[in-house]
Amino acid sequence: MTVQKAIKILDWWIDQKKHGMTKLQKEWNDSDDSHGIAKTLLDIDKTTISNLETIRNELVPNCKHPKKMQDVCRGQKYCMNCNLDL
């Protein structure tokens, strides 16, 4: 798996988690939650989203891909500095 595919998968996963969390918040606003289960589940999802965003930030390079660091392997251009497909 390339880094770009991993980033796309993380973006999709983060979006799904955020969408699910928003949907649950709307549904649970009207319900009686005397044990705090809804709050606990939403807090867990917030932590999961935060962790996924941290992983994504580590995968996204802070590289400007200078020309002297670009190479081609099997017809695919990539940056030798950060190893990202261009």
Protein backbone atom coordinates (compact mmCIF):
# COMPACT_ATOMS: atom_id res chain seq x y z
CA MET A 1 0.00 0.00 0.00
CA THR A 2 1.30 3.42 -0.89
CA VAL A 3 1.29 6.31 1.53
CA GLN A 4 -1.32 8.12 -0.58
CA LYS A 5 -3.71 5.16 -0.34
CA ALA A 6 -3.22 5.04 3.42
CA ILE A 7 -4.00 8.77 3.66
CA LYS A 8 -7.17 8.31 1.57
CA ILE A 9 -8.29 5.43 3.78
CA LEU A 10 -7.67 7.49 6.92
CA ASP A 11 -9.60 10.44 5.45
CA TRP A 12 -12.54 8.14 4.67
CA TRP A 13 -12.42 6.57 8.13
CA ILE A 14 -12.30 9.97 9.86
CA ASP A 15 -15.25 11.21 7.77
CA GLN A 16 -17.28 8.09 8.59
CA LYS A 17 -16.58 8.44 12.31
CA LYS A 18 -17.52 12.15 12.30
CA HIS A 19 -20.71 11.47 10.36
CA GLY A 20 -21.68 8.63 12.70
CA MET A 21 -20.96 10.76 15.75
CA THR A 22 -23.11 13.62 14.45
CA LYS A 23 -25.97 11.23 13.69
CA LEU A 24 -25.79 9.66 17.15
CA GLN A 25 -25.69 13.06 18.85
CA LYS A 26 -28.89 14.09 17.07
CA GLU A 27 -30.63 10.82 17.99
CA TRP A 28 -29.47 10.78 21.60
CA ASN A 29 -30.31 14.41 22.38
CA ASP A 30 -33.94 13.48 22.95
CA SER A 31 -33.38 10.19 24.77
CA ASP A 32 -33.16 9.59 28.51
CA ASP A 33 -29.57 8.57 29.28
CA SER A 34 -29.41 8.31 33.04
CA HIS A 35 -26.22 6.19 33.04
CA GLY A 36 -24.17 8.43 30.73
CA ILE A 37 -23.65 5.72 28.12
CA ALA A 38 -24.23 8.12 25.23
CA LYS A 39 -21.64 10.57 26.57
CA THR A 40 -19.13 7.77 27.12
CA LEU A 41 -19.57 6.41 23.58
CA LEU A 42 -19.26 9.89 22.06
CA ASP A 43 -16.11 10.57 24.11
CA ILE A 44 -14.60 7.30 22.87
CA ASP A 45 -15.37 8.28 19.26
CA LYS A 46 -13.80 11.72 19.80
CA THR A 47 -10.64 10.03 21.05
CA THR A 48 -10.63 7.66 18.08
CA ILE A 49 -11.01 10.55 15.64
CA SER A 50 -8.21 12.44 17.35
CA ASN A 51 -5.93 9.39 17.11
CA LEU A 52 -6.74 8.88 13.42
CA GLU A 53 -6.01 12.54 12.69
CA THR A 54 -2.67 12.25 14.50
CA ILE A 55 -1.74 9.22 12.38
CA ARG A 56 -2.78 11.09 9.23
CA ASN A 57 -0.64 14.09 10.18
CA GLU A 58 2.37 11.82 10.59
CA LEU A 59 1.82 10.31 7.13
CA VAL A 60 1.38 13.62 5.31
CA PRO A 61 4.89 14.86 4.60
CA ASN A 62 6.03 18.40 5.20
CA CYS A 63 8.16 18.27 2.06
CA LYS A 64 8.25 20.60 -0.93
CA HIS A 65 9.50 17.76 -3.23
CA PRO A 66 12.53 19.56 -4.74
CA LYS A 67 13.38 18.61 -8.34
CA LYS A 68 16.78 17.20 -7.35
CA MET A 69 15.05 14.74 -4.99
CA GLN A 70 12.54 13.42 -7.57
CA ASP A 71 13.08 10.06 -9.24
CA VAL A 72 11.12 7.57 -11.33
CA CYS A 73 10.60 3.92 -10.40
CA ARG A 74 8.55 1.63 -12.66
CA GLY A 75 7.12 4.65 -14.42
CA GLN A 76 5.95 6.31 -11.19
CA LYS A 77 7.49 9.61 -10.10
CA TYR A 78 8.25 9.85 -6.39
CA CYS A 79 10.13 12.05 -3.95
CA MET A 80 13.28 10.45 -2.53
CA ASN A 81 13.16 12.92 0.37
CA CYS A 82 9.75 11.88 1.78
CA ASN A 83 9.00 8.75 -0.32
CA LEU A 84 5.64 10.11 -1.52
CA ASP A 85 4.34 9.28 -4.98
CA LEU A 86 3.99 12.43 -7.08
